[in-house]
Amino acid sequence: MLGRSTIDHIFLLKQVLEKYKFNRPLHLIFIDFKQVYDSVQKAEIWRNLKLLEASSKIISMIRVSTEGSRFMVKLGHKKSEEFQTTELKQGDILSQILFNIVQEMAVREV
């Protein structure tokens, strides 16, 4: 809830707990969308793709495209040392799709 104070969040939780008193099932998921791709674990991606019965060939292709990427930052005429990242890449359309799959499966499991 962008732009909301902690008091707003506490009020929301109190409202949810009030509903729970009526013996209705209650499920809560909190997601920080600011650094969402950094929090996606690759093991969850592969597990969810298997649960969705994606072919092993598709899973292998996705693995190759998301693992082992090396980067270098250039600022003016200076270049950083090469480094490798394990997170999903910001701005990559595949990252968005994979995150949506993981998020959807988390909601289904609840």
PDB file of N, CA and C in Angstrom:
ATOM      1  N   MET A   1       0.856  -1.173   0.000  1.00  0.00           N
ATOM      2  CA  MET A   1       0.000   0.000   0.000  1.00  0.00           C
ATOM      3  C   MET A   1       0.898   1.231   0.000  1.00  0.00           C
ATOM      4  N   LEU A   2       1.275   1.630  -1.192  1.00  0.00           N
ATOM      5  CA  LEU A   2       2.164   2.769  -1.360  1.00  0.00           C
ATOM      6  C   LEU A   2       1.561   4.029  -0.771  1.00  0.00           C
ATOM      7  N   GLY A   3       2.374   4.763  -0.034  1.00  0.00           N
ATOM      8  CA  GLY A   3       1.919   6.024   0.535  1.00  0.00           C
ATOM      9  C   GLY A   3       1.069   5.873   1.781  1.00  0.00           C
ATOM     10  N   ARG A   4       0.937   4.682   2.284  1.00  0.00           N
ATOM     11  CA  ARG A   4       0.132   4.446   3.488  1.00  0.00           C
ATOM     12  C   ARG A   4       1.041   4.359   4.700  1.00  0.00           C
ATOM     13  N   SER A   5       0.544   4.766   5.827  1.00  0.00           N
ATOM     14  CA  SER A   5       1.340   4.712   7.048  1.00  0.00           C
ATOM     15  C   SER A   5       1.201   3.345   7.712  1.00  0.00           C
ATOM     16  N   THR A   6       2.026   3.124   8.706  1.00  0.00           N
ATOM     17  CA  THR A   6       1.960   1.887   9.480  1.00  0.00           C
ATOM     18  C   THR A   6       0.598   1.731  10.138  1.00  0.00           C
ATOM     19  N   ILE A   7      -0.007   2.829  10.545  1.00  0.00           N
ATOM     20  CA  ILE A   7      -1.332   2.788  11.175  1.00  0.00           C
ATOM     21  C   ILE A   7      -2.364   2.215  10.205  1.00  0.00           C
ATOM     22  N   ASP A   8      -2.263   2.580   8.926  1.00  0.00           N
ATOM     23  CA  ASP A   8      -3.177   2.027   7.921  1.00  0.00           C
ATOM     24  C   ASP A   8      -3.028   0.514   7.822  1.00  0.00           C
ATOM     25  N   HIS A   9      -1.794   0.037   7.866  1.00  0.00           N
ATOM     26  CA  HIS A   9      -1.549  -1.405   7.780  1.00  0.00           C
ATOM     27  C   HIS A   9      -2.085  -2.122   9.020  1.00  0.00           C
ATOM     28  N   ILE A  10      -1.888  -1.523  10.176  1.00  0.00           N
ATOM     29  CA  ILE A  10      -2.407  -2.112  11.419  1.00  0.00           C
ATOM     30  C   ILE A  10      -3.931  -2.173  11.373  1.00  0.00           C
ATOM     31  N   PHE A  11      -4.561  -1.114  10.892  1.00  0.00           N
ATOM     32  CA  PHE A  11      -6.019  -1.096  10.764  1.00  0.00           C
ATOM     33  C   PHE A  11      -6.484  -2.218   9.834  1.00  0.00           C
ATOM     34  N   LEU A  12      -5.779  -2.389   8.714  1.00  0.00           N
ATOM     35  CA  LEU A  12      -6.134  -3.447   7.770  1.00  0.00           C
ATOM     36  C   LEU A  12      -6.041  -4.814   8.441  1.00  0.00           C
ATOM     37  N   LEU A  13      -4.963  -5.054   9.177  1.00  0.00           N
ATOM     38  CA  LEU A  13      -4.816  -6.338   9.861  1.00  0.00           C
ATOM     39  C   LEU A  13      -5.904  -6.555  10.906  1.00  0.00           C
ATOM     40  N   LYS A  14      -6.277  -5.510  11.624  1.00  0.00           N
ATOM     41  CA  LYS A  14      -7.365  -5.633  12.605  1.00  0.00           C
ATOM     42  C   LYS A  14      -8.672  -6.001  11.918  1.00  0.00           C
ATOM     43  N   GLN A  15      -8.929  -5.417  10.758  1.00  0.00           N
ATOM     44  CA  GLN A  15     -10.141  -5.738  10.010  1.00  0.00           C
ATOM     45  C   GLN A  15     -10.127  -7.201   9.565  1.00  0.00           C
ATOM     46  N   VAL A  16      -8.980  -7.663   9.100  1.00  0.00           N
ATOM     47  CA  VAL A  16      -8.857  -9.055   8.664  1.00  0.00           C
ATOM     48  C   VAL A  16      -9.071  -9.992   9.844  1.00  0.00           C
ATOM     49  N   LEU A  17      -8.467  -9.694  10.982  1.00  0.00           N
ATOM     50  CA  LEU A  17      -8.637 -10.531  12.171  1.00  0.00           C
ATOM     51  C   LEU A  17     -10.079 -10.540  12.658  1.00  0.00           C
ATOM     52  N   GLU A  18     -10.763  -9.432  12.508  1.00  0.00           N
ATOM     53  CA  GLU A  18     -12.184  -9.360  12.869  1.00  0.00           C
ATOM     54  C   GLU A  18     -12.993 -10.334  12.011  1.00  0.00           C
ATOM     55  N   LYS A  19     -12.670 -10.394  10.725  1.00  0.00           N
ATOM     56  CA  LYS A  19     -13.358 -11.344   9.832  1.00  0.00           C
ATOM     57  C   LYS A  19     -13.056 -12.780  10.247  1.00  0.00           C
ATOM     58  N   TYR A  20     -11.814 -13.006  10.690  1.00  0.00           N
ATOM     59  CA  TYR A  20     -11.401 -14.339  11.086  1.00  0.00           C
ATOM     60  C   TYR A  20     -12.200 -14.846  12.287  1.00  0.00           C
ATOM     61  N   LYS A  21     -12.652 -13.967  13.127  1.00  0.00           N
ATOM     62  CA  LYS A  21     -13.427 -14.359  14.303  1.00  0.00           C
ATOM     63  C   LYS A  21     -14.700 -15.102  13.921  1.00  0.00           C
ATOM     64  N   PHE A  22     -15.148 -14.918  12.695  1.00  0.00           N
ATOM     65  CA  PHE A  22     -16.365 -15.587  12.239  1.00  0.00           C
ATOM     66  C   PHE A  22     -16.059 -16.943  11.614  1.00  0.00           C
ATOM     67  N   ASN A  23     -14.879 -17.501  11.969  1.00  0.00           N
ATOM     68  CA  ASN A  23     -14.475 -18.845  11.544  1.00  0.00           C
ATOM     69  C   ASN A  23     -14.415 -19.021  10.032  1.00  0.00           C
ATOM     70  N   ARG A  24     -14.038 -17.997   9.344  1.00  0.00           N
ATOM     71  CA  ARG A  24     -13.830 -18.111   7.904  1.00  0.00           C
ATOM     72  C   ARG A  24     -12.341 -18.354   7.666  1.00  0.00           C
ATOM     73  N   PRO A  25     -11.992 -19.127   6.641  1.00  0.00           N
ATOM     74  CA  PRO A  25     -10.568 -19.353   6.353  1.00  0.00           C
ATOM     75  C   PRO A  25      -9.858 -18.021   6.100  1.00  0.00           C
ATOM     76  N   LEU A  26      -8.645 -17.928   6.594  1.00  0.00           N
ATOM     77  CA  LEU A  26      -7.890 -16.684   6.464  1.00  0.00           C
ATOM     78  C   LEU A  26      -6.504 -16.981   5.909  1.00  0.00           C
ATOM     79  N   HIS A  27      -6.142 -16.310   4.843  1.00  0.00           N
ATOM     80  CA  HIS A  27      -4.831 -16.462   4.221  1.00  0.00           C
ATOM     81  C   HIS A  27      -4.297 -15.072   3.906  1.00  0.00           C
ATOM     82  N   LEU A  28      -3.061 -14.826   4.293  1.00  0.00           N
ATOM     83  CA  LEU A  28      -2.436 -13.533   4.035  1.00  0.00           C
ATOM     84  C   LEU A  28      -1.121 -13.740   3.297  1.00  0.00           C
ATOM     85  N   ILE A  29      -0.867 -12.906   2.323  1.00  0.00           N
ATOM     86  CA  ILE A  29       0.409 -12.902   1.614  1.00  0.00           C
ATOM     87  C   ILE A  29       0.883 -11.461   1.560  1.00  0.00           C
ATOM     88  N   PHE A  30       2.121 -11.230   1.996  1.00  0.00           N
ATOM     89  CA  PHE A  30       2.710  -9.896   1.918  1.00  0.00           C
ATOM     90  C   PHE A  30       3.867  -9.948   0.934  1.00  0.00           C
ATOM     91  N   ILE A  31       3.836  -9.098  -0.057  1.00  0.00           N
ATOM     92  CA  ILE A  31       4.869  -9.068  -1.091  1.00  0.00           C
ATOM     93  C   ILE A  31       5.444  -7.664  -1.179  1.00  0.00           C
ATOM     94  N   ASP A  32       6.762  -7.574  -1.104  1.00  0.00           N
ATOM     95  CA  ASP A  32       7.451  -6.301  -1.302  1.00  0.00           C
ATOM     96  C   ASP A  32       7.808  -6.216  -2.783  1.00  0.00           C
ATOM     97  N   PHE A  33       7.082  -5.429  -3.531  1.00  0.00           N
ATOM     98  CA  PHE A  33       7.281  -5.355  -4.972  1.00  0.00           C
ATOM     99  C   PHE A  33       8.466  -4.475  -5.372  1.00  0.00           C
ATOM    100  N   LYS A  34       9.109  -3.822  -4.413  1.00  0.00           N
ATOM    101  CA  LYS A  34      10.235  -2.949  -4.757  1.00  0.00           C
ATOM    102  C   LYS A  34      11.424  -3.745  -5.284  1.00  0.00           C
ATOM    103  N   GLN A  35      11.732  -4.857  -4.663  1.00  0.00           N
ATOM    104  CA  GLN A  35      12.857  -5.680  -5.095  1.00  0.00           C
ATOM    105  C   GLN A  35      12.392  -7.111  -5.301  1.00  0.00           C
ATOM    106  N   VAL A  36      11.306  -7.240  -5.993  1.00  0.00           N
ATOM    107  CA  VAL A  36      10.634  -8.525  -6.106  1.00  0.00           C
ATOM    108  C   VAL A  36      11.483  -9.572  -6.835  1.00  0.00           C
ATOM    109  N   TYR A  37      12.208  -9.183  -7.866  1.00  0.00           N
ATOM    110  CA  TYR A  37      12.976 -10.175  -8.617  1.00  0.00           C
ATOM    111  C   TYR A  37      14.155 -10.711  -7.816  1.00  0.00           C
ATOM    112  N   ASP A  38      14.662  -9.919  -6.874  1.00  0.00           N
ATOM    113  CA  ASP A  38      15.771 -10.375  -6.038  1.00  0.00           C
ATOM    114  C   ASP A  38      15.337 -11.461  -5.066  1.00  0.00           C
ATOM    115  N   SER A  39      14.050 -11.540  -4.784  1.00  0.00           N
ATOM    116  CA  SER A  39      13.562 -12.484  -3.777  1.00  0.00           C
ATOM    117  C   SER A  39      13.100 -13.816  -4.360  1.00  0.00           C
ATOM    118  N   VAL A  40      13.023 -13.918  -5.676  1.00  0.00           N
ATOM    119  CA  VAL A  40      12.544 -15.157  -6.295  1.00  0.00           C
ATOM    120  C   VAL A  40      13.675 -16.181  -6.289  1.00  0.00           C
ATOM    121  N   GLN A  41      13.418 -17.318  -5.670  1.00  0.00           N
ATOM    122  CA  GLN A  41      14.420 -18.377  -5.616  1.00  0.00           C
ATOM    123  C   GLN A  41      14.293 -19.255  -6.854  1.00  0.00           C
ATOM    124  N   LYS A  42      15.424 -19.532  -7.469  1.00  0.00           N
ATOM    125  CA  LYS A  42      15.423 -20.328  -8.709  1.00  0.00           C
ATOM    126  C   LYS A  42      14.806 -21.708  -8.478  1.00  0.00           C
ATOM    127  N   ALA A  43      15.045 -22.295  -7.313  1.00  0.00           N
ATOM    128  CA  ALA A  43      14.474 -23.617  -7.024  1.00  0.00           C
ATOM    129  C   ALA A  43      12.953 -23.578  -7.092  1.00  0.00           C
ATOM    130  N   GLU A  44      12.352 -22.468  -6.654  1.00  0.00           N
ATOM    131  CA  GLU A  44      10.892 -22.323  -6.722  1.00  0.00           C
ATOM    132  C   GLU A  44      10.421 -22.220  -8.171  1.00  0.00           C
ATOM    133  N   ILE A  45      11.196 -21.545  -8.989  1.00  0.00           N
ATOM    134  CA  ILE A  45      10.836 -21.430 -10.413  1.00  0.00           C
ATOM    135  C   ILE A  45      10.787 -22.816 -11.034  1.00  0.00           C
ATOM    136  N   TRP A  46      11.855 -23.601 -10.840  1.00  0.00           N
ATOM    137  CA  TRP A  46      11.908 -24.932 -11.460  1.00  0.00           C
ATOM    138  C   TRP A  46      10.813 -25.839 -10.903  1.00  0.00           C
ATOM    139  N   ARG A  47      10.579 -25.766  -9.600  1.00  0.00           N
ATOM    140  CA  ARG A  47       9.525 -26.595  -8.984  1.00  0.00           C
ATOM    141  C   ARG A  47       8.158 -26.246  -9.558  1.00  0.00           C
ATOM    142  N   ASN A  48       7.885 -24.947  -9.686  1.00  0.00           N
ATOM    143  CA  ASN A  48       6.579 -24.520 -10.191  1.00  0.00           C
ATOM    144  C   ASN A  48       6.397 -24.854 -11.662  1.00  0.00           C
ATOM    145  N   LEU A  49       7.448 -24.728 -12.448  1.00  0.00           N
ATOM    146  CA  LEU A  49       7.345 -25.098 -13.863  1.00  0.00           C
ATOM    147  C   LEU A  49       7.055 -26.591 -14.009  1.00  0.00           C
ATOM    148  N   LYS A  50       7.676 -27.410 -13.147  1.00  0.00           N
ATOM    149  CA  LYS A  50       7.393 -28.850 -13.176  1.00  0.00           C
ATOM    150  C   LYS A  50       5.953 -29.133 -12.765  1.00  0.00           C
ATOM    151  N   LEU A  51       5.477 -28.429 -11.731  1.00  0.00           N
ATOM    152  CA  LEU A  51       4.086 -28.606 -11.298  1.00  0.00           C
ATOM    153  C   LEU A  51       3.100 -28.228 -12.401  1.00  0.00           C
ATOM    154  N   LEU A  52       3.488 -27.247 -13.216  1.00  0.00           N
ATOM    155  CA  LEU A  52       2.637 -26.826 -14.335  1.00  0.00           C
ATOM    156  C   LEU A  52       2.845 -27.692 -15.571  1.00  0.00           C
ATOM    157  N   GLU A  53       3.658 -28.745 -15.403  1.00  0.00           N
ATOM    158  CA  GLU A  53       3.937 -29.717 -16.454  1.00  0.00           C
ATOM    159  C   GLU A  53       4.599 -29.097 -17.677  1.00  0.00           C
ATOM    160  N   ALA A  54       5.477 -28.131 -17.447  1.00  0.00           N
ATOM    161  CA  ALA A  54       6.281 -27.590 -18.545  1.00  0.00           C
ATOM    162  C   ALA A  54       7.258 -28.679 -18.975  1.00  0.00           C
ATOM    163  N   SER A  55       7.542 -28.740 -20.249  1.00  0.00           N
ATOM    164  CA  SER A  55       8.443 -29.782 -20.750  1.00  0.00           C
ATOM    165  C   SER A  55       9.858 -29.543 -20.233  1.00  0.00           C
ATOM    166  N   SER A  56      10.611 -30.622 -20.122  1.00  0.00           N
ATOM    167  CA  SER A  56      11.988 -30.501 -19.636  1.00  0.00           C
ATOM    168  C   SER A  56      12.828 -29.666 -20.594  1.00  0.00           C
ATOM    169  N   LYS A  57      12.486 -29.682 -21.870  1.00  0.00           N
ATOM    170  CA  LYS A  57      13.215 -28.880 -22.862  1.00  0.00           C
ATOM    171  C   LYS A  57      13.002 -27.381 -22.596  1.00  0.00           C
ATOM    172  N   ILE A  58      11.758 -26.989 -22.312  1.00  0.00           N
ATOM    173  CA  ILE A  58      11.450 -25.582 -22.007  1.00  0.00           C
ATOM    174  C   ILE A  58      12.166 -25.162 -20.728  1.00  0.00           C
ATOM    175  N   ILE A  59      12.114 -26.019 -19.706  1.00  0.00           N
ATOM    176  CA  ILE A  59      12.774 -25.700 -18.437  1.00  0.00           C
ATOM    177  C   ILE A  59      14.275 -25.533 -18.655  1.00  0.00           C
ATOM    178  N   SER A  60      14.882 -26.410 -19.446  1.00  0.00           N
ATOM    179  CA  SER A  60      16.317 -26.299 -19.741  1.00  0.00           C
ATOM    180  C   SER A  60      16.641 -25.002 -20.461  1.00  0.00           C
ATOM    181  N   MET A  61      15.803 -24.615 -21.412  1.00  0.00           N
ATOM    182  CA  MET A  61      16.032 -23.366 -22.150  1.00  0.00           C
ATOM    183  C   MET A  61      15.942 -22.162 -21.216  1.00  0.00           C
ATOM    184  N   ILE A  62      14.980 -22.191 -20.305  1.00  0.00           N
ATOM    185  CA  ILE A  62      14.833 -21.089 -19.349  1.00  0.00           C
ATOM    186  C   ILE A  62      16.028 -21.056 -18.401  1.00  0.00           C
ATOM    187  N   ARG A  63      16.482 -22.233 -17.959  1.00  0.00           N
ATOM    188  CA  ARG A  63      17.662 -22.294 -17.083  1.00  0.00           C
ATOM    189  C   ARG A  63      18.878 -21.653 -17.755  1.00  0.00           C
ATOM    190  N   VAL A  64      19.111 -22.019 -19.005  1.00  0.00           N
ATOM    191  CA  VAL A  64      20.263 -21.490 -19.736  1.00  0.00           C
ATOM    192  C   VAL A  64      20.178 -19.974 -19.861  1.00  0.00           C
ATOM    193  N   SER A  65      18.972 -19.460 -20.088  1.00  0.00           N
ATOM    194  CA  SER A  65      18.834 -18.011 -20.291  1.00  0.00           C
ATOM    195  C   SER A  65      18.850 -17.215 -18.988  1.00  0.00           C
ATOM    196  N   THR A  66      18.650 -17.877 -17.851  1.00  0.00           N
ATOM    197  CA  THR A  66      18.609 -17.137 -16.580  1.00  0.00           C
ATOM    198  C   THR A  66      19.824 -17.373 -15.691  1.00  0.00           C
ATOM    199  N   GLU A  67      20.646 -18.347 -16.012  1.00  0.00           N
ATOM    200  CA  GLU A  67      21.796 -18.651 -15.160  1.00  0.00           C
ATOM    201  C   GLU A  67      23.103 -18.326 -15.871  1.00  0.00           C
ATOM    202  N   GLY A  68      24.080 -17.977 -15.084  1.00  0.00           N
ATOM    203  CA  GLY A  68      25.418 -17.774 -15.621  1.00  0.00           C
ATOM    204  C   GLY A  68      25.624 -16.471 -16.370  1.00  0.00           C
ATOM    205  N   SER A  69      24.756 -15.505 -16.205  1.00  0.00           N
ATOM    206  CA  SER A  69      24.926 -14.219 -16.875  1.00  0.00           C
ATOM    207  C   SER A  69      26.044 -13.442 -16.195  1.00  0.00           C
ATOM    208  N   ARG A  70      26.912 -12.874 -17.009  1.00  0.00           N
ATOM    209  CA  ARG A  70      28.004 -12.058 -16.481  1.00  0.00           C
ATOM    210  C   ARG A  70      27.791 -10.620 -16.918  1.00  0.00           C
ATOM    211  N   PHE A  71      28.104  -9.711 -16.010  1.00  0.00           N
ATOM    212  CA  PHE A  71      27.860  -8.297 -16.267  1.00  0.00           C
ATOM    213  C   PHE A  71      29.106  -7.478 -15.982  1.00  0.00           C
ATOM    214  N   MET A  72      29.120  -6.295 -16.583  1.00  0.00           N
ATOM    215  CA  MET A  72      30.172  -5.325 -16.338  1.00  0.00           C
ATOM    216  C   MET A  72      29.510  -3.954 -16.397  1.00  0.00           C
ATOM    217  N   VAL A  73      29.852  -3.093 -15.480  1.00  0.00           N
ATOM    218  CA  VAL A  73      29.281  -1.750 -15.453  1.00  0.00           C
ATOM    219  C   VAL A  73      30.298  -0.784 -16.052  1.00  0.00           C
ATOM    220  N   LYS A  74      29.818   0.048 -16.978  1.00  0.00           N
ATOM    221  CA  LYS A  74      30.683   1.050 -17.596  1.00  0.00           C
ATOM    222  C   LYS A  74      30.176   2.427 -17.195  1.00  0.00           C
ATOM    223  N   LEU A  75      31.072   3.223 -16.627  1.00  0.00           N
ATOM    224  CA  LEU A  75      30.728   4.577 -16.208  1.00  0.00           C
ATOM    225  C   LEU A  75      31.783   5.511 -16.800  1.00  0.00           C
ATOM    226  N   GLY A  76      31.375   6.258 -17.803  1.00  0.00           N
ATOM    227  CA  GLY A  76      32.343   7.075 -18.529  1.00  0.00           C
ATOM    228  C   GLY A  76      33.284   6.165 -19.285  1.00  0.00           C
ATOM    229  N   HIS A  77      34.581   6.298 -19.018  1.00  0.00           N
ATOM    230  CA  HIS A  77      35.576   5.441 -19.678  1.00  0.00           C
ATOM    231  C   HIS A  77      36.037   4.302 -18.783  1.00  0.00           C
ATOM    232  N   LYS A  78      35.489   4.222 -17.591  1.00  0.00           N
ATOM    233  CA  LYS A  78      35.903   3.186 -16.642  1.00  0.00           C
ATOM    234  C   LYS A  78      34.933   2.013 -16.682  1.00  0.00           C
ATOM    235  N   LYS A  79      35.490   0.823 -16.549  1.00  0.00           N
ATOM    236  CA  LYS A  79      34.693  -0.401 -16.519  1.00  0.00           C
ATOM    237  C   LYS A  79      34.937  -1.122 -15.201  1.00  0.00           C
ATOM    238  N   SER A  80      33.870  -1.695 -14.668  1.00  0.00           N
ATOM    239  CA  SER A  80      34.007  -2.484 -13.443  1.00  0.00           C
ATOM    240  C   SER A  80      34.561  -3.861 -13.781  1.00  0.00           C
ATOM    241  N   GLU A  81      34.902  -4.582 -12.752  1.00  0.00           N
ATOM    242  CA  GLU A  81      35.249  -5.992 -12.934  1.00  0.00           C
ATOM    243  C   GLU A  81      33.977  -6.732 -13.337  1.00  0.00           C
ATOM    244  N   GLU A  82      34.153  -7.830 -14.033  1.00  0.00           N
ATOM    245  CA  GLU A  82      33.001  -8.660 -14.384  1.00  0.00           C
ATOM    246  C   GLU A  82      32.427  -9.282 -13.122  1.00  0.00           C
ATOM    247  N   PHE A  83      31.103  -9.387 -13.068  1.00  0.00           N
ATOM    248  CA  PHE A  83      30.466 -10.059 -11.942  1.00  0.00           C
ATOM    249  C   PHE A  83      29.280 -10.857 -12.453  1.00  0.00           C
ATOM    250  N   GLN A  84      28.884 -11.811 -11.654  1.00  0.00           N
ATOM    251  CA  GLN A  84      27.779 -12.695 -12.014  1.00  0.00           C
ATOM    252  C   GLN A  84      26.640 -12.467 -11.040  1.00  0.00           C
ATOM    253  N   THR A  85      25.418 -12.582 -11.527  1.00  0.00           N
ATOM    254  CA  THR A  85      24.253 -12.426 -10.660  1.00  0.00           C
ATOM    255  C   THR A  85      23.403 -13.685 -10.725  1.00  0.00           C
ATOM    256  N   THR A  86      22.730 -13.968  -9.620  1.00  0.00           N
ATOM    257  CA  THR A  86      21.872 -15.155  -9.574  1.00  0.00           C
ATOM    258  C   THR A  86      20.394 -14.781  -9.590  1.00  0.00           C
ATOM    259  N   GLU A  87      20.101 -13.492  -9.448  1.00  0.00           N
ATOM    260  CA  GLU A  87      18.707 -13.053  -9.417  1.00  0.00           C
ATOM    261  C   GLU A  87      18.143 -12.968 -10.838  1.00  0.00           C
ATOM    262  N   LEU A  88      16.828 -12.865 -10.897  1.00  0.00           N
ATOM    263  CA  LEU A  88      16.193 -12.605 -12.183  1.00  0.00           C
ATOM    264  C   LEU A  88      16.566 -11.200 -12.631  1.00  0.00           C
ATOM    265  N   LYS A  89      16.651 -11.022 -13.927  1.00  0.00           N
ATOM    266  CA  LYS A  89      17.091  -9.732 -14.458  1.00  0.00           C
ATOM    267  C   LYS A  89      15.941  -8.738 -14.513  1.00  0.00           C
ATOM    268  N   GLN A  90      16.166  -7.531 -13.980  1.00  0.00           N
ATOM    269  CA  GLN A  90      15.175  -6.460 -14.050  1.00  0.00           C
ATOM    270  C   GLN A  90      14.979  -6.086 -15.518  1.00  0.00           C
ATOM    271  N   GLY A  91      13.748  -5.890 -15.935  1.00  0.00           N
ATOM    272  CA  GLY A  91      13.466  -5.450 -17.291  1.00  0.00           C
ATOM    273  C   GLY A  91      13.370  -6.565 -18.313  1.00  0.00           C
ATOM    274  N   ASP A  92      13.737  -7.770 -17.946  1.00  0.00           N
ATOM    275  CA  ASP A  92      13.652  -8.910 -18.859  1.00  0.00           C
ATOM    276  C   ASP A  92      12.222  -9.446 -18.820  1.00  0.00           C
ATOM    277  N   ILE A  93      11.597  -9.552 -19.981  1.00  0.00           N
ATOM    278  CA  ILE A  93      10.199 -10.009 -20.036  1.00  0.00           C
ATOM    279  C   ILE A  93      10.061 -11.406 -19.432  1.00  0.00           C
ATOM    280  N   LEU A  94      11.076 -12.240 -19.587  1.00  0.00           N
ATOM    281  CA  LEU A  94      11.031 -13.584 -19.010  1.00  0.00           C
ATOM    282  C   LEU A  94      10.988 -13.525 -17.481  1.00  0.00           C
ATOM    283  N   SER A  95      11.698 -12.559 -16.893  1.00  0.00           N
ATOM    284  CA  SER A  95      11.675 -12.397 -15.433  1.00  0.00           C
ATOM    285  C   SER A  95      10.266 -12.107 -14.946  1.00  0.00           C
ATOM    286  N   GLN A  96       9.556 -11.269 -15.671  1.00  0.00           N
ATOM    287  CA  GLN A  96       8.180 -10.931 -15.295  1.00  0.00           C
ATOM    288  C   GLN A  96       7.284 -12.158 -15.349  1.00  0.00           C
ATOM    289  N   ILE A  97       7.436 -12.933 -16.401  1.00  0.00           N
ATOM    290  CA  ILE A  97       6.615 -14.139 -16.560  1.00  0.00           C
ATOM    291  C   ILE A  97       6.928 -15.145 -15.451  1.00  0.00           C
ATOM    292  N   LEU A  98       8.208 -15.375 -15.190  1.00  0.00           N
ATOM    293  CA  LEU A  98       8.599 -16.337 -14.151  1.00  0.00           C
ATOM    294  C   LEU A  98       8.135 -15.890 -12.773  1.00  0.00           C
ATOM    295  N   PHE A  99       8.242 -14.588 -12.484  1.00  0.00           N
ATOM    296  CA  PHE A  99       7.740 -14.087 -11.202  1.00  0.00           C
ATOM    297  C   PHE A  99       6.237 -14.317 -11.095  1.00  0.00           C
ATOM    298  N   ASN A 100       5.500 -14.029 -12.161  1.00  0.00           N
ATOM    299  CA  ASN A 100       4.046 -14.228 -12.141  1.00  0.00           C
ATOM    300  C   ASN A 100       3.686 -15.690 -11.904  1.00  0.00           C
ATOM    301  N   ILE A 101       4.456 -16.602 -12.482  1.00  0.00           N
ATOM    302  CA  ILE A 101       4.205 -18.031 -12.270  1.00  0.00           C
ATOM    303  C   ILE A 101       4.419 -18.386 -10.799  1.00  0.00           C
ATOM    304  N   VAL A 102       5.527 -17.939 -10.223  1.00  0.00           N
ATOM    305  CA  VAL A 102       5.815 -18.233  -8.813  1.00  0.00           C
ATOM    306  C   VAL A 102       4.741 -17.628  -7.913  1.00  0.00           C
ATOM    307  N   GLN A 103       4.345 -16.400  -8.205  1.00  0.00           N
ATOM    308  CA  GLN A 103       3.312 -15.733  -7.402  1.00  0.00           C
ATOM    309  C   GLN A 103       1.974 -16.469  -7.517  1.00  0.00           C
ATOM    310  N   GLU A 104       1.598 -16.849  -8.709  1.00  0.00           N
ATOM    311  CA  GLU A 104       0.326 -17.559  -8.917  1.00  0.00           C
ATOM    312  C   GLU A 104       0.317 -18.888  -8.171  1.00  0.00           C
ATOM    313  N   MET A 105       1.415 -19.615  -8.239  1.00  0.00           N
ATOM    314  CA  MET A 105       1.477 -20.906  -7.559  1.00  0.00           C
ATOM    315  C   MET A 105       1.452 -20.728  -6.040  1.00  0.00           C
ATOM    316  N   ALA A 106       2.052 -19.663  -5.528  1.00  0.00           N
ATOM    317  CA  ALA A 106       2.003 -19.397  -4.082  1.00  0.00           C
ATOM    318  C   ALA A 106       0.570 -19.152  -3.643  1.00  0.00           C
ATOM    319  N   VAL A 107      -0.174 -18.404  -4.441  1.00  0.00           N
ATOM    320  CA  VAL A 107      -1.579 -18.127  -4.116  1.00  0.00           C
ATOM    321  C   VAL A 107      -2.395 -19.412  -4.177  1.00  0.00           C
ATOM    322  N   ARG A 108      -2.139 -20.245  -5.169  1.00  0.00           N
ATOM    323  CA  ARG A 108      -2.869 -21.520  -5.288  1.00  0.00           C
ATOM    324  C   ARG A 108      -2.607 -22.431  -4.094  1.00  0.00           C
ATOM    325  N   GLU A 109      -1.372 -22.444  -3.604  1.00  0.00           N
ATOM    326  CA  GLU A 109      -1.023 -23.315  -2.480  1.00  0.00           C
ATOM    327  C   GLU A 109      -1.679 -22.877  -1.183  1.00  0.00           C
ATOM    328  N   VAL A 110      -2.006 -21.599  -1.088  1.00  0.00           N
ATOM    329  CA  VAL A 110      -2.656 -21.094   0.117  1.00  0.00           C
ATOM    330  C   VAL A 110      -4.101 -21.502   0.045  1.00  0.00           C
TER     331      VAL A 110
END
